[in-house]
Amino acid sequence: MALSNVITGSDAARPAPAVRRIDDGDLAAALREGWEDFSAMPSHAVFLVLIYPVVGLLLGRLVYGAEILPLLFPLMAGFALIGPLAALGLYELSRRRERGLDTAAYHALAIRHSPSFGAILALGLILMVVFLCWIAVAQSIYVAAFGYAPAASIPDFLGRVFGTPQGRWMILVGNLVGFLFALFVLTVSVVSFPLLLDRDVGAGVAVLTSIRAVAANPGPMALWGLIVATSLVLGSIPFFLGLAIVMPVLGHATWHLYRKVVV
């Protein structure tokens, strides 16, 4: 596939997708419709995202075993950065259900036949790079606060984080930087992946459309980001198991949000 097609799609002369203004009621409707999709396809959705909490548990075990406990929270928070990529199969199932097509679980893999598959891979690679950058930055913030010496134990680590000025500084700076990473990902991907599944527009056009959607709806999009972040936090307790429900509902809801925002 030519690089130009990955960036602009097969028809570069096609007008850019138009975006609508939405309100909080549209967010509520998208969540309701996402829940309806999940209720109609529960086994499919849970199967598709079961790997998500399993990977979370494995990563948590790796962190403890490798004595890099300070990265456990950044890894958990970083899931939100790759969530749009992880939910690709859910977007496809919602698209098929909306059109009255068969929604068997294996159709989630139909994304590989999309004319925008190259663009989807390119944008997914960008999100993975952002995720790795976030982990590296989080590690740097911890080192700036406490140096390279690892925590002796979980109580020692918690005492450092919550009981020292350096820990409070790390919490403040880490959350601020994490917010900036999340804001970037939300801006460039809130409708990008559903748009690429729906139309042959290219990664560049999809990202620009997502940016325009956020610019046209700053309030609702900020609220959507808060809903996603809060849901992922709640779904991570305990041991990421709640994500088996939170992820499919949010994934399906994101498809319906796309349909409300992009003409």
Protein backbone atom coordinates (compact mmCIF):
# COMPACT_ATOMS: atom_id res chain seq x y z
CA MET A 1 0.00 0.00 0.00
CA ALA A 2 1.38 3.40 -1.02
CA LEU A 3 2.34 5.77 1.75
CA SER A 4 0.04 8.43 0.31
CA ASN A 5 -2.93 6.06 0.62
CA VAL A 6 -2.07 5.37 4.25
CA ILE A 7 -2.05 9.10 5.00
CA THR A 8 -4.88 10.42 2.82
CA GLY A 9 -6.81 7.37 1.65
CA SER A 10 -7.28 6.18 -1.92
CA ASP A 11 -9.06 9.38 -2.96
CA ALA A 12 -7.10 12.38 -1.73
CA ALA A 13 -9.51 14.76 -3.50
CA ARG A 14 -12.48 13.59 -1.44
CA PRO A 15 -13.78 16.31 0.92
CA ALA A 16 -12.83 15.87 4.57
CA PRO A 17 -15.62 14.42 6.73
CA ALA A 18 -17.79 17.06 8.36
CA VAL A 19 -18.29 17.11 12.12
CA ARG A 20 -21.34 17.99 14.18
CA ARG A 21 -21.73 19.75 17.50
CA ILE A 22 -22.98 17.44 20.23
CA ASP A 23 -24.08 17.87 23.83
CA ASP A 24 -24.07 15.87 27.05
CA GLY A 25 -27.28 14.15 25.98
CA ASP A 26 -25.46 12.65 23.01
CA LEU A 27 -22.83 11.23 25.35
CA ALA A 28 -25.54 9.64 27.47
CA ALA A 29 -27.15 8.22 24.33
CA ALA A 30 -23.82 6.81 23.12
CA LEU A 31 -23.27 5.09 26.46
CA ARG A 32 -26.82 3.71 26.43
CA GLU A 33 -26.38 2.38 22.90
CA GLY A 34 -23.00 0.94 23.85
CA TRP A 35 -24.64 -0.94 26.69
CA GLU A 36 -27.34 -2.18 24.33
CA ASP A 37 -24.67 -3.52 21.97
CA PHE A 38 -22.93 -5.22 24.86
CA SER A 39 -26.24 -6.71 26.06
CA ALA A 40 -26.95 -8.02 22.56
CA MET A 41 -23.42 -9.43 22.10
CA PRO A 42 -22.15 -10.13 25.64
CA SER A 43 -20.23 -13.32 24.98
CA HIS A 44 -18.63 -11.83 21.91
CA ALA A 45 -17.58 -8.66 23.67
CA VAL A 46 -16.23 -10.35 26.79
CA PHE A 47 -14.30 -12.83 24.65
CA LEU A 48 -12.74 -10.04 22.62
CA VAL A 49 -11.51 -8.09 25.63
CA LEU A 50 -10.75 -10.96 28.01
CA ILE A 51 -7.09 -10.65 27.08
CA TYR A 52 -7.15 -7.07 28.37
CA PRO A 53 -7.50 -7.85 32.12
CA VAL A 54 -5.31 -10.94 31.72
CA VAL A 55 -2.52 -8.84 30.25
CA GLY A 56 -3.01 -6.37 33.08
CA LEU A 57 -2.50 -9.10 35.66
CA LEU A 58 0.58 -10.40 33.87
CA LEU A 59 2.07 -6.93 33.65
CA GLY A 60 1.40 -6.39 37.34
CA ARG A 61 3.14 -9.66 38.18
CA LEU A 62 6.07 -8.70 35.96
CA VAL A 63 6.40 -5.39 37.75
CA TYR A 64 6.52 -7.04 41.18
CA GLY A 65 8.89 -9.75 40.03
CA ALA A 66 11.25 -7.34 38.29
CA GLU A 67 11.28 -4.99 41.26
CA ILE A 68 10.07 -2.08 39.20
CA LEU A 69 7.07 -1.43 41.40
CA PRO A 70 7.02 2.32 40.58
CA LEU A 71 5.86 1.46 37.05
CA LEU A 72 2.76 -0.47 38.12
CA PHE A 73 0.49 2.58 38.23
CA PRO A 74 1.89 4.07 34.98
CA LEU A 75 1.25 0.73 33.26
CA MET A 76 -2.31 0.65 34.54
CA ALA A 77 -2.92 4.27 33.55
CA GLY A 78 -1.26 3.68 30.20
CA PHE A 79 -3.96 1.20 29.21
CA ALA A 80 -6.17 4.21 28.49
CA LEU A 81 -3.65 5.33 25.87
CA ILE A 82 -3.96 2.14 23.84
CA GLY A 83 -7.66 1.58 24.57
CA PRO A 84 -8.80 2.95 21.17
CA LEU A 85 -6.58 0.39 19.45
CA ALA A 86 -7.67 -2.47 21.72
CA ALA A 87 -11.34 -1.77 20.95
CA LEU A 88 -11.09 -2.09 17.16
CA GLY A 89 -13.00 -5.36 17.06
CA LEU A 90 -15.78 -3.86 19.16
CA TYR A 91 -16.18 -0.97 16.73
CA GLU A 92 -16.54 -3.47 13.90
CA LEU A 93 -19.21 -5.47 15.73
CA SER A 94 -21.18 -2.31 16.52
CA ARG A 95 -20.90 -1.24 12.88
CA ARG A 96 -22.24 -4.60 11.72
CA ARG A 97 -25.08 -4.62 14.24
CA GLU A 98 -26.07 -1.11 13.21
CA ARG A 99 -26.34 -2.29 9.59
CA GLY A 100 -28.22 -5.47 10.44
CA LEU A 101 -25.31 -7.75 9.53
CA ASP A 102 -24.16 -10.93 11.23
CA THR A 103 -22.35 -10.14 14.50
CA ALA A 104 -20.63 -13.45 15.19
CA ALA A 105 -17.41 -12.94 17.14
CA TYR A 106 -15.11 -13.84 14.26
CA HIS A 107 -16.37 -10.81 12.33
CA ALA A 108 -14.31 -8.67 14.70
CA LEU A 109 -11.32 -9.83 12.65
CA ALA A 110 -12.86 -8.40 9.49
CA ILE A 111 -10.93 -5.20 10.14
CA ARG A 112 -7.99 -6.82 8.35
CA HIS A 113 -9.98 -6.53 5.10
CA SER A 114 -10.65 -2.83 5.56
CA PRO A 115 -9.29 -0.61 2.75
CA SER A 116 -7.89 1.57 5.54
CA PHE A 117 -6.07 -1.30 7.27
CA GLY A 118 -2.66 0.23 6.53
CA ALA A 119 -3.79 3.51 8.08
CA ILE A 120 -5.18 1.65 11.10
CA LEU A 121 -1.81 -0.05 11.61
CA ALA A 122 0.02 3.26 11.27
CA LEU A 123 -2.20 5.01 13.79
CA GLY A 124 -2.00 2.02 16.13
CA LEU A 125 1.79 2.18 15.95
CA ILE A 126 1.65 5.84 16.94
CA LEU A 127 -0.43 4.98 20.01
CA MET A 128 2.02 2.25 21.00
CA VAL A 129 4.90 4.73 20.70
CA VAL A 130 2.97 7.20 22.86
CA PHE A 131 2.39 4.45 25.44
CA LEU A 132 6.10 3.58 25.56
CA CYS A 133 7.01 7.26 25.83
CA TRP A 134 4.62 7.61 28.76
CA ILE A 135 6.27 4.69 30.56
CA ALA A 136 9.72 6.16 29.96
CA VAL A 137 8.63 9.60 31.19
CA ALA A 138 6.95 8.11 34.27
CA GLN A 139 10.16 6.25 35.10
CA SER A 140 12.14 9.47 34.69
CA ILE A 141 9.81 11.32 37.05
CA TYR A 142 10.26 8.62 39.69
CA VAL A 143 14.04 8.71 39.31
CA ALA A 144 14.01 12.51 39.59
CA ALA A 145 12.12 12.19 42.87
CA PHE A 146 13.84 9.19 44.51
CA GLY A 147 16.88 8.26 42.46
CA TYR A 148 17.68 4.84 41.06
CA ALA A 149 17.52 2.85 44.31
CA PRO A 150 14.49 0.50 44.20
CA ALA A 151 11.94 0.38 46.99
CA ALA A 152 12.69 -2.34 49.52
CA SER A 153 9.05 -3.42 49.80
CA ILE A 154 5.50 -2.36 49.05
CA PRO A 155 5.12 -0.53 52.40
CA ASP A 156 8.44 1.23 51.77
CA PHE A 157 7.27 2.30 48.32
CA LEU A 158 3.91 3.56 49.61
CA GLY A 159 5.67 5.40 52.42
CA ARG A 160 7.89 7.16 49.92
CA VAL A 161 5.04 8.15 47.66
CA PHE A 162 2.53 9.36 50.24
CA GLY A 163 4.73 10.29 53.16
CA THR A 164 7.48 12.44 51.70
CA PRO A 165 7.66 15.82 49.89
CA GLN A 166 9.33 14.06 46.96
CA GLY A 167 6.41 11.65 46.75
CA ARG A 168 3.86 14.42 46.71
CA TRP A 169 5.87 16.20 44.02
CA MET A 170 5.95 12.98 41.99
CA ILE A 171 2.18 12.55 42.30
CA LEU A 172 1.55 16.13 41.17
CA VAL A 173 3.96 16.09 38.24
CA GLY A 174 3.10 12.53 37.22
CA ASN A 175 -0.62 13.22 37.08
CA LEU A 176 -0.09 16.46 35.18
CA VAL A 177 2.13 14.80 32.60
CA GLY A 178 -0.23 11.82 32.39
CA PHE A 179 -3.11 14.20 31.76
CA LEU A 180 -1.22 15.75 28.85
CA PHE A 181 -0.56 12.31 27.33
CA ALA A 182 -4.23 11.36 27.75
CA LEU A 183 -5.37 14.67 26.25
CA PHE A 184 -3.19 14.09 23.21
CA VAL A 185 -4.50 10.56 22.66
CA LEU A 186 -8.11 11.66 23.15
CA THR A 187 -7.68 14.48 20.65
CA VAL A 188 -6.12 12.42 17.88
CA SER A 189 -8.07 9.18 18.34
CA VAL A 190 -11.54 9.82 19.77
CA VAL A 191 -13.15 9.16 16.37
CA SER A 192 -10.11 8.19 14.28
CA PHE A 193 -10.32 4.40 14.45
CA PRO A 194 -14.10 4.17 13.93
CA LEU A 195 -13.74 6.56 10.98
CA LEU A 196 -11.00 4.43 9.44
CA LEU A 197 -13.19 1.33 9.78
CA ASP A 198 -16.12 3.14 8.22
CA ARG A 199 -14.41 4.94 5.34
CA ASP A 200 -11.24 4.87 3.26
CA VAL A 201 -9.89 8.22 4.41
CA GLY A 202 -6.31 7.61 5.55
CA ALA A 203 -4.64 8.14 8.90
CA GLY A 204 -3.91 11.84 8.35
CA VAL A 205 -7.52 12.65 7.47
CA ALA A 206 -8.81 10.56 10.40
CA VAL A 207 -6.55 12.33 12.90
CA LEU A 208 -7.45 15.78 11.55
CA THR A 209 -11.15 14.89 11.72
CA SER A 210 -10.71 13.79 15.33
CA ILE A 211 -8.95 17.06 16.16
CA ARG A 212 -11.75 19.04 14.52
CA ALA A 213 -14.34 17.01 16.43
CA VAL A 214 -12.66 17.87 19.75
CA ALA A 215 -12.25 21.53 18.77
CA ALA A 216 -15.95 21.76 17.87
CA ASN A 217 -17.05 20.04 21.09
CA PRO A 218 -14.50 20.86 23.82
CA GLY A 219 -16.94 20.50 26.72
CA PRO A 220 -18.56 17.21 25.73
CA MET A 221 -15.22 15.72 24.70
CA ALA A 222 -13.64 16.70 28.02
CA LEU A 223 -16.56 15.03 29.79
CA TRP A 224 -16.16 11.96 27.58
CA GLY A 225 -12.50 11.73 28.51
CA LEU A 226 -13.44 11.97 32.19
CA ILE A 227 -16.06 9.24 31.77
CA VAL A 228 -13.55 6.95 30.07
CA ALA A 229 -10.82 7.58 32.66
CA THR A 230 -13.18 7.09 35.61
CA SER A 231 -14.67 3.93 34.10
CA LEU A 232 -11.23 2.43 33.49
CA VAL A 233 -10.14 3.18 37.04
CA LEU A 234 -13.27 1.57 38.48
CA GLY A 235 -12.90 -1.36 36.09
CA SER A 236 -9.35 -1.93 37.27
CA ILE A 237 -10.57 -2.64 40.81
CA PRO A 238 -10.04 -5.37 41.73
CA PHE A 239 -7.25 -6.83 39.61
CA PHE A 240 -8.52 -5.39 36.30
CA LEU A 241 -11.44 -7.84 36.21
CA GLY A 242 -14.07 -5.11 35.81
CA LEU A 243 -12.47 -4.18 32.49
CA ALA A 244 -14.12 -7.25 30.97
CA ILE A 245 -17.36 -5.24 31.16
CA VAL A 246 -16.10 -1.65 31.08
CA MET A 247 -13.99 -2.10 27.95
CA PRO A 248 -16.69 -3.55 25.67
CA VAL A 249 -19.28 -1.01 26.79
CA LEU A 250 -16.87 1.88 26.19
CA GLY A 251 -15.75 0.37 22.90
CA HIS A 252 -19.28 0.02 21.56
CA ALA A 253 -20.19 3.46 22.94
CA THR A 254 -17.23 5.02 21.13
CA TRP A 255 -18.60 3.75 17.83
CA HIS A 256 -21.94 5.43 18.53
CA LEU A 257 -20.16 8.61 19.63
CA TYR A 258 -18.38 8.62 16.27
CA ARG A 259 -21.70 8.25 14.46
CA LYS A 260 -23.10 11.24 16.34
CA VAL A 261 -20.05 13.46 15.78
CA VAL A 262 -19.04 12.70 12.18
CA VAL A 263 -21.56 13.44 9.45
